[in-house]
Amino acid sequence: QFDIVVDSIFGFGFTGAPRPPFDKIIEMMK
């Protein structure tokens, strides 16, 4: 679908595990 994916989800202040729906798309980006 895409030529590039830009990850601007979490910055330097984020801690913990990603929650839905971001966990799903992060898996697709691995």
mmCIF file of all heavy atoms, coordinates in Angstrom:
data_MODEL
# 
_entry.id   MODEL 
# 
loop_
_atom_site.group_PDB 
_atom_site.id 
_atom_site.type_symbol 
_atom_site.label_atom_id 
_atom_site.label_alt_id 
_atom_site.label_comp_id 
_atom_site.label_asym_id 
_atom_site.label_entity_id 
_atom_site.label_seq_id 
_atom_site.pdbx_PDB_ins_code 
_atom_site.Cartn_x 
_atom_site.Cartn_y 
_atom_site.Cartn_z 
_atom_site.occupancy 
_atom_site.B_iso_or_equiv 
_atom_site.pdbx_formal_charge 
_atom_site.auth_seq_id 
_atom_site.auth_comp_id 
_atom_site.auth_asym_id 
_atom_site.auth_atom_id 
_atom_site.pdbx_PDB_model_num 
ATOM 1   N N   . GLN A 1 1  ? 0.798  -1.225 0.000  1.00 0.00 ? 1  GLN A N   1 
ATOM 2   C CA  . GLN A 1 1  ? 0.000  0.000  0.000  1.00 0.00 ? 1  GLN A CA  1 
ATOM 3   C C   . GLN A 1 1  ? 0.830  1.276  0.000  1.00 0.00 ? 1  GLN A C   1 
ATOM 4   O O   . GLN A 1 1  ? 0.385  2.307  -0.515 1.00 0.00 ? 1  GLN A O   1 
ATOM 5   C CB  . GLN A 1 1  ? -0.893 0.030  1.249  1.00 0.00 ? 1  GLN A CB  1 
ATOM 6   C CG  . GLN A 1 1  ? -1.807 -1.160 1.423  1.00 0.00 ? 1  GLN A CG  1 
ATOM 7   C CD  . GLN A 1 1  ? -2.574 -1.067 2.728  1.00 0.00 ? 1  GLN A CD  1 
ATOM 8   O OE1 . GLN A 1 1  ? -3.476 -0.232 2.889  1.00 0.00 ? 1  GLN A OE1 1 
ATOM 9   N NE2 . GLN A 1 1  ? -2.223 -1.917 3.692  1.00 0.00 ? 1  GLN A NE2 1 
ATOM 10  N N   . PHE A 1 2  ? 2.041  1.205  0.583  1.00 0.00 ? 2  PHE A N   1 
ATOM 11  C CA  . PHE A 1 2  ? 2.817  2.424  0.814  1.00 0.00 ? 2  PHE A CA  1 
ATOM 12  C C   . PHE A 1 2  ? 4.283  2.218  0.449  1.00 0.00 ? 2  PHE A C   1 
ATOM 13  O O   . PHE A 1 2  ? 4.811  1.113  0.509  1.00 0.00 ? 2  PHE A O   1 
ATOM 14  C CB  . PHE A 1 2  ? 2.691  2.859  2.279  1.00 0.00 ? 2  PHE A CB  1 
ATOM 15  C CG  . PHE A 1 2  ? 1.273  3.049  2.734  1.00 0.00 ? 2  PHE A CG  1 
ATOM 16  C CD1 . PHE A 1 2  ? 0.653  2.088  3.528  1.00 0.00 ? 2  PHE A CD1 1 
ATOM 17  C CD2 . PHE A 1 2  ? 0.543  4.159  2.333  1.00 0.00 ? 2  PHE A CD2 1 
ATOM 18  C CE1 . PHE A 1 2  ? -0.663 2.244  3.933  1.00 0.00 ? 2  PHE A CE1 1 
ATOM 19  C CE2 . PHE A 1 2  ? -0.776 4.322  2.729  1.00 0.00 ? 2  PHE A CE2 1 
ATOM 20  C CZ  . PHE A 1 2  ? -1.381 3.369  3.529  1.00 0.00 ? 2  PHE A CZ  1 
ATOM 21  N N   . ASP A 1 3  ? 4.921  3.326  0.087  1.00 0.00 ? 3  ASP A N   1 
ATOM 22  C CA  . ASP A 1 3  ? 6.355  3.318  -0.223 1.00 0.00 ? 3  ASP A CA  1 
ATOM 23  C C   . ASP A 1 3  ? 7.200  3.666  1.004  1.00 0.00 ? 3  ASP A C   1 
ATOM 24  O O   . ASP A 1 3  ? 8.377  3.307  1.069  1.00 0.00 ? 3  ASP A O   1 
ATOM 25  C CB  . ASP A 1 3  ? 6.656  4.324  -1.345 1.00 0.00 ? 3  ASP A CB  1 
ATOM 26  C CG  . ASP A 1 3  ? 5.851  4.042  -2.599 1.00 0.00 ? 3  ASP A CG  1 
ATOM 27  O OD1 . ASP A 1 3  ? 5.814  2.865  -3.026 1.00 0.00 ? 3  ASP A OD1 1 
ATOM 28  O OD2 . ASP A 1 3  ? 5.240  4.985  -3.149 1.00 0.00 ? 3  ASP A OD2 1 
ATOM 29  N N   . ILE A 1 4  ? 6.616  4.410  1.936  1.00 0.00 ? 4  ILE A N   1 
ATOM 30  C CA  . ILE A 1 4  ? 7.272  4.795  3.193  1.00 0.00 ? 4  ILE A CA  1 
ATOM 31  C C   . ILE A 1 4  ? 6.207  4.814  4.287  1.00 0.00 ? 4  ILE A C   1 
ATOM 32  O O   . ILE A 1 4  ? 5.056  5.192  4.027  1.00 0.00 ? 4  ILE A O   1 
ATOM 33  C CB  . ILE A 1 4  ? 7.884  6.220  3.149  1.00 0.00 ? 4  ILE A CB  1 
ATOM 34  C CG1 . ILE A 1 4  ? 8.645  6.485  1.874  1.00 0.00 ? 4  ILE A CG1 1 
ATOM 35  C CG2 . ILE A 1 4  ? 8.772  6.482  4.359  1.00 0.00 ? 4  ILE A CG2 1 
ATOM 36  C CD1 . ILE A 1 4  ? 9.012  7.960  1.717  1.00 0.00 ? 4  ILE A CD1 1 
ATOM 37  N N   . VAL A 1 5  ? 6.594  4.462  5.499  1.00 0.00 ? 5  VAL A N   1 
ATOM 38  C CA  . VAL A 1 5  ? 5.726  4.647  6.668  1.00 0.00 ? 5  VAL A CA  1 
ATOM 39  C C   . VAL A 1 5  ? 6.477  5.517  7.670  1.00 0.00 ? 5  VAL A C   1 
ATOM 40  O O   . VAL A 1 5  ? 7.628  5.222  8.012  1.00 0.00 ? 5  VAL A O   1 
ATOM 41  C CB  . VAL A 1 5  ? 5.336  3.308  7.314  1.00 0.00 ? 5  VAL A CB  1 
ATOM 42  C CG1 . VAL A 1 5  ? 4.520  3.556  8.590  1.00 0.00 ? 5  VAL A CG1 1 
ATOM 43  C CG2 . VAL A 1 5  ? 4.535  2.449  6.337  1.00 0.00 ? 5  VAL A CG2 1 
ATOM 44  N N   . VAL A 1 6  ? 5.850  6.598  8.116  1.00 0.00 ? 6  VAL A N   1 
ATOM 45  C CA  . VAL A 1 6  ? 6.462  7.516  9.066  1.00 0.00 ? 6  VAL A CA  1 
ATOM 46  C C   . VAL A 1 6  ? 5.903  7.233  10.457 1.00 0.00 ? 6  VAL A C   1 
ATOM 47  O O   . VAL A 1 6  ? 4.697  7.345  10.697 1.00 0.00 ? 6  VAL A O   1 
ATOM 48  C CB  . VAL A 1 6  ? 6.203  8.983  8.672  1.00 0.00 ? 6  VAL A CB  1 
ATOM 49  C CG1 . VAL A 1 6  ? 6.817  9.933  9.707  1.00 0.00 ? 6  VAL A CG1 1 
ATOM 50  C CG2 . VAL A 1 6  ? 6.765  9.274  7.282  1.00 0.00 ? 6  VAL A CG2 1 
ATOM 51  N N   . ASP A 1 7  ? 6.775  6.846  11.353 1.00 0.00 ? 7  ASP A N   1 
ATOM 52  C CA  . ASP A 1 7  ? 6.417  6.533  12.736 1.00 0.00 ? 7  ASP A CA  1 
ATOM 53  C C   . ASP A 1 7  ? 6.524  7.798  13.583 1.00 0.00 ? 7  ASP A C   1 
ATOM 54  O O   . ASP A 1 7  ? 7.598  8.179  14.034 1.00 0.00 ? 7  ASP A O   1 
ATOM 55  C CB  . ASP A 1 7  ? 7.357  5.438  13.251 1.00 0.00 ? 7  ASP A CB  1 
ATOM 56  C CG  . ASP A 1 7  ? 7.358  5.321  14.777 1.00 0.00 ? 7  ASP A CG  1 
ATOM 57  O OD1 . ASP A 1 7  ? 6.349  5.705  15.396 1.00 0.00 ? 7  ASP A OD1 1 
ATOM 58  O OD2 . ASP A 1 7  ? 8.379  4.843  15.327 1.00 0.00 ? 7  ASP A OD2 1 
ATOM 59  N N   . SER A 1 8  ? 5.403  8.465  13.784 1.00 0.00 ? 8  SER A N   1 
ATOM 60  C CA  . SER A 1 8  ? 5.361  9.618  14.697 1.00 0.00 ? 8  SER A CA  1 
ATOM 61  C C   . SER A 1 8  ? 4.325  9.345  15.788 1.00 0.00 ? 8  SER A C   1 
ATOM 62  O O   . SER A 1 8  ? 3.477  10.170 16.098 1.00 0.00 ? 8  SER A O   1 
ATOM 63  C CB  . SER A 1 8  ? 5.024  10.913 13.941 1.00 0.00 ? 8  SER A CB  1 
ATOM 64  O OG  . SER A 1 8  ? 3.755  10.839 13.332 1.00 0.00 ? 8  SER A OG  1 
ATOM 65  N N   . ILE A 1 9  ? 4.425  8.158  16.357 1.00 0.00 ? 9  ILE A N   1 
ATOM 66  C CA  . ILE A 1 9  ? 3.430  7.715  17.349 1.00 0.00 ? 9  ILE A CA  1 
ATOM 67  C C   . ILE A 1 9  ? 3.786  8.218  18.742 1.00 0.00 ? 9  ILE A C   1 
ATOM 68  O O   . ILE A 1 9  ? 3.035  8.968  19.367 1.00 0.00 ? 9  ILE A O   1 
ATOM 69  C CB  . ILE A 1 9  ? 3.314  6.175  17.356 1.00 0.00 ? 9  ILE A CB  1 
ATOM 70  C CG1 . ILE A 1 9  ? 3.012  5.648  15.939 1.00 0.00 ? 9  ILE A CG1 1 
ATOM 71  C CG2 . ILE A 1 9  ? 2.205  5.740  18.312 1.00 0.00 ? 9  ILE A CG2 1 
ATOM 72  C CD1 . ILE A 1 9  ? 3.029  4.132  15.840 1.00 0.00 ? 9  ILE A CD1 1 
ATOM 73  N N   . PHE A 1 10 ? 4.948  7.800  19.250 1.00 0.00 ? 10 PHE A N   1 
ATOM 74  C CA  . PHE A 1 10 ? 5.341  8.144  20.617 1.00 0.00 ? 10 PHE A CA  1 
ATOM 75  C C   . PHE A 1 10 ? 6.673  8.881  20.604 1.00 0.00 ? 10 PHE A C   1 
ATOM 76  O O   . PHE A 1 10 ? 7.598  8.501  19.886 1.00 0.00 ? 10 PHE A O   1 
ATOM 77  C CB  . PHE A 1 10 ? 5.468  6.890  21.476 1.00 0.00 ? 10 PHE A CB  1 
ATOM 78  C CG  . PHE A 1 10 ? 4.229  6.031  21.486 1.00 0.00 ? 10 PHE A CG  1 
ATOM 79  C CD1 . PHE A 1 10 ? 4.288  4.699  21.139 1.00 0.00 ? 10 PHE A CD1 1 
ATOM 80  C CD2 . PHE A 1 10 ? 3.000  6.569  21.835 1.00 0.00 ? 10 PHE A CD2 1 
ATOM 81  C CE1 . PHE A 1 10 ? 3.147  3.904  21.148 1.00 0.00 ? 10 PHE A CE1 1 
ATOM 82  C CE2 . PHE A 1 10 ? 1.850  5.795  21.836 1.00 0.00 ? 10 PHE A CE2 1 
ATOM 83  C CZ  . PHE A 1 10 ? 1.928  4.446  21.489 1.00 0.00 ? 10 PHE A CZ  1 
ATOM 84  N N   . GLY A 1 11 ? 6.787  9.906  21.440 1.00 0.00 ? 11 GLY A N   1 
ATOM 85  C CA  . GLY A 1 11 ? 8.013  10.679 21.542 1.00 0.00 ? 11 GLY A CA  1 
ATOM 86  C C   . GLY A 1 11 ? 8.870  10.241 22.707 1.00 0.00 ? 11 GLY A C   1 
ATOM 87  O O   . GLY A 1 11 ? 8.684  9.162  23.287 1.00 0.00 ? 11 GLY A O   1 
ATOM 88  N N   . PHE A 1 12 ? 9.795  11.131 23.102 1.00 0.00 ? 12 PHE A N   1 
ATOM 89  C CA  . PHE A 1 12 ? 10.762 10.751 24.139 1.00 0.00 ? 12 PHE A CA  1 
ATOM 90  C C   . PHE A 1 12 ? 10.136 10.661 25.526 1.00 0.00 ? 12 PHE A C   1 
ATOM 91  O O   . PHE A 1 12 ? 10.743 10.122 26.454 1.00 0.00 ? 12 PHE A O   1 
ATOM 92  C CB  . PHE A 1 12 ? 11.949 11.726 24.161 1.00 0.00 ? 12 PHE A CB  1 
ATOM 93  C CG  . PHE A 1 12 ? 11.607 13.144 24.511 1.00 0.00 ? 12 PHE A CG  1 
ATOM 94  C CD1 . PHE A 1 12 ? 11.361 13.516 25.821 1.00 0.00 ? 12 PHE A CD1 1 
ATOM 95  C CD2 . PHE A 1 12 ? 11.543 14.128 23.527 1.00 0.00 ? 12 PHE A CD2 1 
ATOM 96  C CE1 . PHE A 1 12 ? 11.057 14.829 26.152 1.00 0.00 ? 12 PHE A CE1 1 
ATOM 97  C CE2 . PHE A 1 12 ? 11.240 15.440 23.845 1.00 0.00 ? 12 PHE A CE2 1 
ATOM 98  C CZ  . PHE A 1 12 ? 10.999 15.790 25.170 1.00 0.00 ? 12 PHE A CZ  1 
ATOM 99  N N   . GLY A 1 13 ? 8.918  11.164 25.703 1.00 0.00 ? 13 GLY A N   1 
ATOM 100 C CA  . GLY A 1 13 ? 8.291  11.106 27.019 1.00 0.00 ? 13 GLY A CA  1 
ATOM 101 C C   . GLY A 1 13 ? 7.455  9.865  27.255 1.00 0.00 ? 13 GLY A C   1 
ATOM 102 O O   . GLY A 1 13 ? 6.942  9.657  28.357 1.00 0.00 ? 13 GLY A O   1 
ATOM 103 N N   . PHE A 1 14 ? 7.336  8.986  26.250 1.00 0.00 ? 14 PHE A N   1 
ATOM 104 C CA  . PHE A 1 14 ? 6.453  7.824  26.378 1.00 0.00 ? 14 PHE A CA  1 
ATOM 105 C C   . PHE A 1 14 ? 7.127  6.707  27.177 1.00 0.00 ? 14 PHE A C   1 
ATOM 106 O O   . PHE A 1 14 ? 8.306  6.427  27.010 1.00 0.00 ? 14 PHE A O   1 
ATOM 107 C CB  . PHE A 1 14 ? 6.072  7.296  25.000 1.00 0.00 ? 14 PHE A CB  1 
ATOM 108 C CG  . PHE A 1 14 ? 5.171  6.092  25.042 1.00 0.00 ? 14 PHE A CG  1 
ATOM 109 C CD1 . PHE A 1 14 ? 3.815  6.231  25.255 1.00 0.00 ? 14 PHE A CD1 1 
ATOM 110 C CD2 . PHE A 1 14 ? 5.698  4.813  24.881 1.00 0.00 ? 14 PHE A CD2 1 
ATOM 111 C CE1 . PHE A 1 14 ? 2.977  5.121  25.310 1.00 0.00 ? 14 PHE A CE1 1 
ATOM 112 C CE2 . PHE A 1 14 ? 4.877  3.700  24.924 1.00 0.00 ? 14 PHE A CE2 1 
ATOM 113 C CZ  . PHE A 1 14 ? 3.516  3.852  25.137 1.00 0.00 ? 14 PHE A CZ  1 
ATOM 114 N N   . THR A 1 15 ? 6.336  6.064  28.026 1.00 0.00 ? 15 THR A N   1 
ATOM 115 C CA  . THR A 1 15 ? 6.785  4.868  28.743 1.00 0.00 ? 15 THR A CA  1 
ATOM 116 C C   . THR A 1 15 ? 5.663  3.834  28.713 1.00 0.00 ? 15 THR A C   1 
ATOM 117 O O   . THR A 1 15 ? 4.496  4.164  28.515 1.00 0.00 ? 15 THR A O   1 
ATOM 118 C CB  . THR A 1 15 ? 7.147  5.178  30.206 1.00 0.00 ? 15 THR A CB  1 
ATOM 119 O OG1 . THR A 1 15 ? 6.003  5.767  30.863 1.00 0.00 ? 15 THR A OG1 1 
ATOM 120 C CG2 . THR A 1 15 ? 8.324  6.141  30.287 1.00 0.00 ? 15 THR A CG2 1 
ATOM 121 N N   . GLY A 1 16 ? 6.015  2.578  28.922 1.00 0.00 ? 16 GLY A N   1 
ATOM 122 C CA  . GLY A 1 16 ? 5.016  1.519  28.949 1.00 0.00 ? 16 GLY A CA  1 
ATOM 123 C C   . GLY A 1 16 ? 4.876  0.836  27.607 1.00 0.00 ? 16 GLY A C   1 
ATOM 124 O O   . GLY A 1 16 ? 5.626  1.089  26.664 1.00 0.00 ? 16 GLY A O   1 
ATOM 125 N N   . ALA A 1 17 ? 3.883  -0.040 27.524 1.00 0.00 ? 17 ALA A N   1 
ATOM 126 C CA  . ALA A 1 17 ? 3.644  -0.805 26.298 1.00 0.00 ? 17 ALA A CA  1 
ATOM 127 C C   . ALA A 1 17 ? 2.623  -0.092 25.422 1.00 0.00 ? 17 ALA A C   1 
ATOM 128 O O   . ALA A 1 17 ? 1.664  0.509  25.929 1.00 0.00 ? 17 ALA A O   1 
ATOM 129 C CB  . ALA A 1 17 ? 3.137  -2.200 26.656 1.00 0.00 ? 17 ALA A CB  1 
ATOM 130 N N   . PRO A 1 18 ? 2.787  -0.124 24.100 1.00 0.00 ? 18 PRO A N   1 
ATOM 131 C CA  . PRO A 1 18 ? 1.798  0.487  23.203 1.00 0.00 ? 18 PRO A CA  1 
ATOM 132 C C   . PRO A 1 18 ? 0.432  -0.174 23.360 1.00 0.00 ? 18 PRO A C   1 
ATOM 133 O O   . PRO A 1 18 ? 0.327  -1.395 23.509 1.00 0.00 ? 18 PRO A O   1 
ATOM 134 C CB  . PRO A 1 18 ? 2.383  0.217  21.801 1.00 0.00 ? 18 PRO A CB  1 
ATOM 135 C CG  . PRO A 1 18 ? 3.833  -0.008 22.029 1.00 0.00 ? 18 PRO A CG  1 
ATOM 136 C CD  . PRO A 1 18 ? 3.940  -0.665 23.364 1.00 0.00 ? 18 PRO A CD  1 
ATOM 137 N N   . ARG A 1 19 ? -0.600 0.647  23.324 1.00 0.00 ? 19 ARG A N   1 
ATOM 138 C CA  . ARG A 1 19 ? -1.971 0.153  23.460 1.00 0.00 ? 19 ARG A CA  1 
ATOM 139 C C   . ARG A 1 19 ? -2.678 0.205  22.115 1.00 0.00 ? 19 ARG A C   1 
ATOM 140 O O   . ARG A 1 19 ? -2.247 0.898  21.195 1.00 0.00 ? 19 ARG A O   1 
ATOM 141 C CB  . ARG A 1 19 ? -2.724 0.992  24.497 1.00 0.00 ? 19 ARG A CB  1 
ATOM 142 C CG  . ARG A 1 19 ? -2.187 0.847  25.920 1.00 0.00 ? 19 ARG A CG  1 
ATOM 143 C CD  . ARG A 1 19 ? -3.021 1.623  26.920 1.00 0.00 ? 19 ARG A CD  1 
ATOM 144 N NE  . ARG A 1 19 ? -2.928 3.063  26.709 1.00 0.00 ? 19 ARG A NE  1 
ATOM 145 C CZ  . ARG A 1 19 ? -1.989 3.841  27.228 1.00 0.00 ? 19 ARG A CZ  1 
ATOM 146 N NH1 . ARG A 1 19 ? -1.035 3.319  27.983 1.00 0.00 ? 19 ARG A NH1 1 
ATOM 147 N NH2 . ARG A 1 19 ? -1.980 5.134  26.998 1.00 0.00 ? 19 ARG A NH2 1 
ATOM 148 N N   . PRO A 1 20 ? -3.817 -0.528 21.995 1.00 0.00 ? 20 PRO A N   1 
ATOM 149 C CA  . PRO A 1 20 ? -4.563 -0.506 20.729 1.00 0.00 ? 20 PRO A CA  1 
ATOM 150 C C   . PRO A 1 20 ? -5.010 0.907  20.380 1.00 0.00 ? 20 PRO A C   1 
ATOM 151 O O   . PRO A 1 20 ? -5.308 1.710  21.285 1.00 0.00 ? 20 PRO A O   1 
ATOM 152 C CB  . PRO A 1 20 ? -5.774 -1.408 21.031 1.00 0.00 ? 20 PRO A CB  1 
ATOM 153 C CG  . PRO A 1 20 ? -5.314 -2.284 22.160 1.00 0.00 ? 20 PRO A CG  1 
ATOM 154 C CD  . PRO A 1 20 ? -4.407 -1.432 22.983 1.00 0.00 ? 20 PRO A CD  1 
ATOM 155 N N   . PRO A 1 21 ? -5.086 1.214  19.077 1.00 0.00 ? 21 PRO A N   1 
ATOM 156 C CA  . PRO A 1 21 ? -4.760 0.360  17.925 1.00 0.00 ? 21 PRO A CA  1 
ATOM 157 C C   . PRO A 1 21 ? -3.291 0.453  17.503 1.00 0.00 ? 21 PRO A C   1 
ATOM 158 O O   . PRO A 1 21 ? -2.908 -0.134 16.497 1.00 0.00 ? 21 PRO A O   1 
ATOM 159 C CB  . PRO A 1 21 ? -5.664 0.924  16.842 1.00 0.00 ? 21 PRO A CB  1 
ATOM 160 C CG  . PRO A 1 21 ? -5.689 2.388  17.134 1.00 0.00 ? 21 PRO A CG  1 
ATOM 161 C CD  . PRO A 1 21 ? -5.660 2.510  18.631 1.00 0.00 ? 21 PRO A CD  1 
ATOM 162 N N   . PHE A 1 22 ? -2.489 1.192  18.282 1.00 0.00 ? 22 PHE A N   1 
ATOM 163 C CA  . PHE A 1 22 ? -1.099 1.392  17.864 1.00 0.00 ? 22 PHE A CA  1 
ATOM 164 C C   . PHE A 1 22 ? -0.286 0.107  17.945 1.00 0.00 ? 22 PHE A C   1 
ATOM 165 O O   . PHE A 1 22 ? 0.650  -0.094 17.170 1.00 0.00 ? 22 PHE A O   1 
ATOM 166 C CB  . PHE A 1 22 ? -0.448 2.497  18.699 1.00 0.00 ? 22 PHE A CB  1 
ATOM 167 C CG  . PHE A 1 22 ? -1.069 3.846  18.495 1.00 0.00 ? 22 PHE A CG  1 
ATOM 168 C CD1 . PHE A 1 22 ? -1.755 4.469  19.528 1.00 0.00 ? 22 PHE A CD1 1 
ATOM 169 C CD2 . PHE A 1 22 ? -0.997 4.490  17.270 1.00 0.00 ? 22 PHE A CD2 1 
ATOM 170 C CE1 . PHE A 1 22 ? -2.333 5.722  19.340 1.00 0.00 ? 22 PHE A CE1 1 
ATOM 171 C CE2 . PHE A 1 22 ? -1.570 5.733  17.078 1.00 0.00 ? 22 PHE A CE2 1 
ATOM 172 C CZ  . PHE A 1 22 ? -2.248 6.346  18.112 1.00 0.00 ? 22 PHE A CZ  1 
ATOM 173 N N   . ASP A 1 23 ? -0.637 -0.777 18.886 1.00 0.00 ? 23 ASP A N   1 
ATOM 174 C CA  . ASP A 1 23 ? 0.102  -2.036 18.984 1.00 0.00 ? 23 ASP A CA  1 
ATOM 175 C C   . ASP A 1 23 ? 0.000  -2.848 17.707 1.00 0.00 ? 23 ASP A C   1 
ATOM 176 O O   . ASP A 1 23 ? 0.965  -3.493 17.266 1.00 0.00 ? 23 ASP A O   1 
ATOM 177 C CB  . ASP A 1 23 ? -0.377 -2.841 20.194 1.00 0.00 ? 23 ASP A CB  1 
ATOM 178 C CG  . ASP A 1 23 ? -1.877 -3.146 20.158 1.00 0.00 ? 23 ASP A CG  1 
ATOM 179 O OD1 . ASP A 1 23 ? -2.609 -2.508 19.361 1.00 0.00 ? 23 ASP A OD1 1 
ATOM 180 O OD2 . ASP A 1 23 ? -2.312 -4.027 20.927 1.00 0.00 ? 23 ASP A OD2 1 
ATOM 181 N N   . LYS A 1 24 ? -1.179 -2.799 17.070 1.00 0.00 ? 24 LYS A N   1 
ATOM 182 C CA  . LYS A 1 24 ? -1.388 -3.582 15.849 1.00 0.00 ? 24 LYS A CA  1 
ATOM 183 C C   . LYS A 1 24 ? -0.574 -3.042 14.686 1.00 0.00 ? 24 LYS A C   1 
ATOM 184 O O   . LYS A 1 24 ? 0.040  -3.808 13.933 1.00 0.00 ? 24 LYS A O   1 
ATOM 185 C CB  . LYS A 1 24 ? -2.878 -3.600 15.491 1.00 0.00 ? 24 LYS A CB  1 
ATOM 186 C CG  . LYS A 1 24 ? -3.749 -4.277 16.536 1.00 0.00 ? 24 LYS A CG  1 
ATOM 187 C CD  . LYS A 1 24 ? -5.218 -4.198 16.166 1.00 0.00 ? 24 LYS A CD  1 
ATOM 188 C CE  . LYS A 1 24 ? -6.084 -4.844 17.256 1.00 0.00 ? 24 LYS A CE  1 
ATOM 189 N NZ  . LYS A 1 24 ? -7.540 -4.722 16.927 1.00 0.00 ? 24 LYS A NZ  1 
ATOM 190 N N   . ILE A 1 25 ? -0.574 -1.729 14.537 1.00 0.00 ? 25 ILE A N   1 
ATOM 191 C CA  . ILE A 1 25 ? 0.158  -1.180 13.389 1.00 0.00 ? 25 ILE A CA  1 
ATOM 192 C C   . ILE A 1 25 ? 1.664  -1.249 13.625 1.00 0.00 ? 25 ILE A C   1 
ATOM 193 O O   . ILE A 1 25 ? 2.445  -1.410 12.675 1.00 0.00 ? 25 ILE A O   1 
ATOM 194 C CB  . ILE A 1 25 ? -0.310 0.247  13.047 1.00 0.00 ? 25 ILE A CB  1 
ATOM 195 C CG1 . ILE A 1 25 ? 0.141  0.601  11.627 1.00 0.00 ? 25 ILE A CG1 1 
ATOM 196 C CG2 . ILE A 1 25 ? 0.196  1.272  14.046 1.00 0.00 ? 25 ILE A CG2 1 
ATOM 197 C CD1 . ILE A 1 25 ? -0.600 1.749  11.014 1.00 0.00 ? 25 ILE A CD1 1 
ATOM 198 N N   . ILE A 1 26 ? 2.101  -1.168 14.882 1.00 0.00 ? 26 ILE A N   1 
ATOM 199 C CA  . ILE A 1 26 ? 3.520  -1.342 15.163 1.00 0.00 ? 26 ILE A CA  1 
ATOM 200 C C   . ILE A 1 26 ? 3.967  -2.751 14.771 1.00 0.00 ? 26 ILE A C   1 
ATOM 201 O O   . ILE A 1 26 ? 5.063  -2.938 14.222 1.00 0.00 ? 26 ILE A O   1 
ATOM 202 C CB  . ILE A 1 26 ? 3.824  -1.042 16.645 1.00 0.00 ? 26 ILE A CB  1 
ATOM 203 C CG1 . ILE A 1 26 ? 3.736  0.479  16.887 1.00 0.00 ? 26 ILE A CG1 1 
ATOM 204 C CG2 . ILE A 1 26 ? 5.209  -1.561 17.036 1.00 0.00 ? 26 ILE A CG2 1 
ATOM 205 C CD1 . ILE A 1 26 ? 3.901  0.886  18.339 1.00 0.00 ? 26 ILE A CD1 1 
ATOM 206 N N   . GLU A 1 27 ? 3.127  -3.745 15.021 1.00 0.00 ? 27 GLU A N   1 
ATOM 207 C CA  . GLU A 1 27 ? 3.460  -5.113 14.600 1.00 0.00 ? 27 GLU A CA  1 
ATOM 208 C C   . GLU A 1 27 ? 3.630  -5.182 13.085 1.00 0.00 ? 27 GLU A C   1 
ATOM 209 O O   . GLU A 1 27 ? 4.512  -5.888 12.585 1.00 0.00 ? 27 GLU A O   1 
ATOM 210 C CB  . GLU A 1 27 ? 2.368  -6.087 15.052 1.00 0.00 ? 27 GLU A CB  1 
ATOM 211 C CG  . GLU A 1 27 ? 2.378  -6.399 16.535 1.00 0.00 ? 27 GLU A CG  1 
ATOM 212 C CD  . GLU A 1 27 ? 3.663  -7.092 16.974 1.00 0.00 ? 27 GLU A CD  1 
ATOM 213 O OE1 . GLU A 1 27 ? 4.162  -7.965 16.214 1.00 0.00 ? 27 GLU A OE1 1 
ATOM 214 O OE2 . GLU A 1 27 ? 4.175  -6.762 18.061 1.00 0.00 ? 27 GLU A OE2 1 
ATOM 215 N N   . MET A 1 28 ? 2.789  -4.455 12.355 1.00 0.00 ? 28 MET A N   1 
ATOM 216 C CA  . MET A 1 28 ? 2.883  -4.453 10.896 1.00 0.00 ? 28 MET A CA  1 
ATOM 217 C C   . MET A 1 28 ? 4.148  -3.746 10.410 1.00 0.00 ? 28 MET A C   1 
ATOM 218 O O   . MET A 1 28 ? 4.577  -3.939 9.266  1.00 0.00 ? 28 MET A O   1 
ATOM 219 C CB  . MET A 1 28 ? 1.659  -3.779 10.289 1.00 0.00 ? 28 MET A CB  1 
ATOM 220 C CG  . MET A 1 28 ? 0.351  -4.489 10.549 1.00 0.00 ? 28 MET A CG  1 
ATOM 221 S SD  . MET A 1 28 ? -1.063 -3.614 9.803  1.00 0.00 ? 28 MET A SD  1 
ATOM 222 C CE  . MET A 1 28 ? -0.754 -3.914 8.038  1.00 0.00 ? 28 MET A CE  1 
ATOM 223 N N   . MET A 1 29 ? 4.747  -2.918 11.262 1.00 0.00 ? 29 MET A N   1 
ATOM 224 C CA  . MET A 1 29 ? 5.934  -2.150 10.900 1.00 0.00 ? 29 MET A CA  1 
ATOM 225 C C   . MET A 1 29 ? 7.230  -2.863 11.266 1.00 0.00 ? 29 MET A C   1 
ATOM 226 O O   . MET A 1 29 ? 8.321  -2.400 10.925 1.00 0.00 ? 29 MET A O   1 
ATOM 227 C CB  . MET A 1 29 ? 5.884  -0.772 11.573 1.00 0.00 ? 29 MET A CB  1 
ATOM 228 C CG  . MET A 1 29 ? 4.743  0.106  11.073 1.00 0.00 ? 29 MET A CG  1 
ATOM 229 S SD  . MET A 1 29 ? 4.303  1.453  12.209 1.00 0.00 ? 29 MET A SD  1 
ATOM 230 C CE  . MET A 1 29 ? 5.825  2.385  12.256 1.00 0.00 ? 29 MET A CE  1 
ATOM 231 N N   . LYS A 1 30 ? 7.144  -3.999 11.964 1.00 0.00 ? 30 LYS A N   1 
ATOM 232 C CA  . LYS A 1 30 ? 8.332  -4.717 12.386 1.00 0.00 ? 30 LYS A CA  1 
ATOM 233 C C   . LYS A 1 30 ? 8.952  -5.487 11.222 1.00 0.00 ? 30 LYS A C   1 
ATOM 234 O O   . LYS A 1 30 ? 8.271  -5.829 10.251 1.00 0.00 ? 30 LYS A O   1 
ATOM 235 C CB  . LYS A 1 30 ? 7.997  -5.668 13.535 1.00 0.00 ? 30 LYS A CB  1 
ATOM 236 C CG  . LYS A 1 30 ? 7.673  -4.966 14.840 1.00 0.00 ? 30 LYS A CG  1 
ATOM 237 C CD  . LYS A 1 30 ? 7.395  -5.950 15.951 1.00 0.00 ? 30 LYS A CD  1 
ATOM 238 C CE  . LYS A 1 30 ? 7.132  -5.247 17.277 1.00 0.00 ? 30 LYS A CE  1 
ATOM 239 N NZ  . LYS A 1 30 ? 6.863  -6.219 18.378 1.00 0.00 ? 30 LYS A NZ  1 
# 
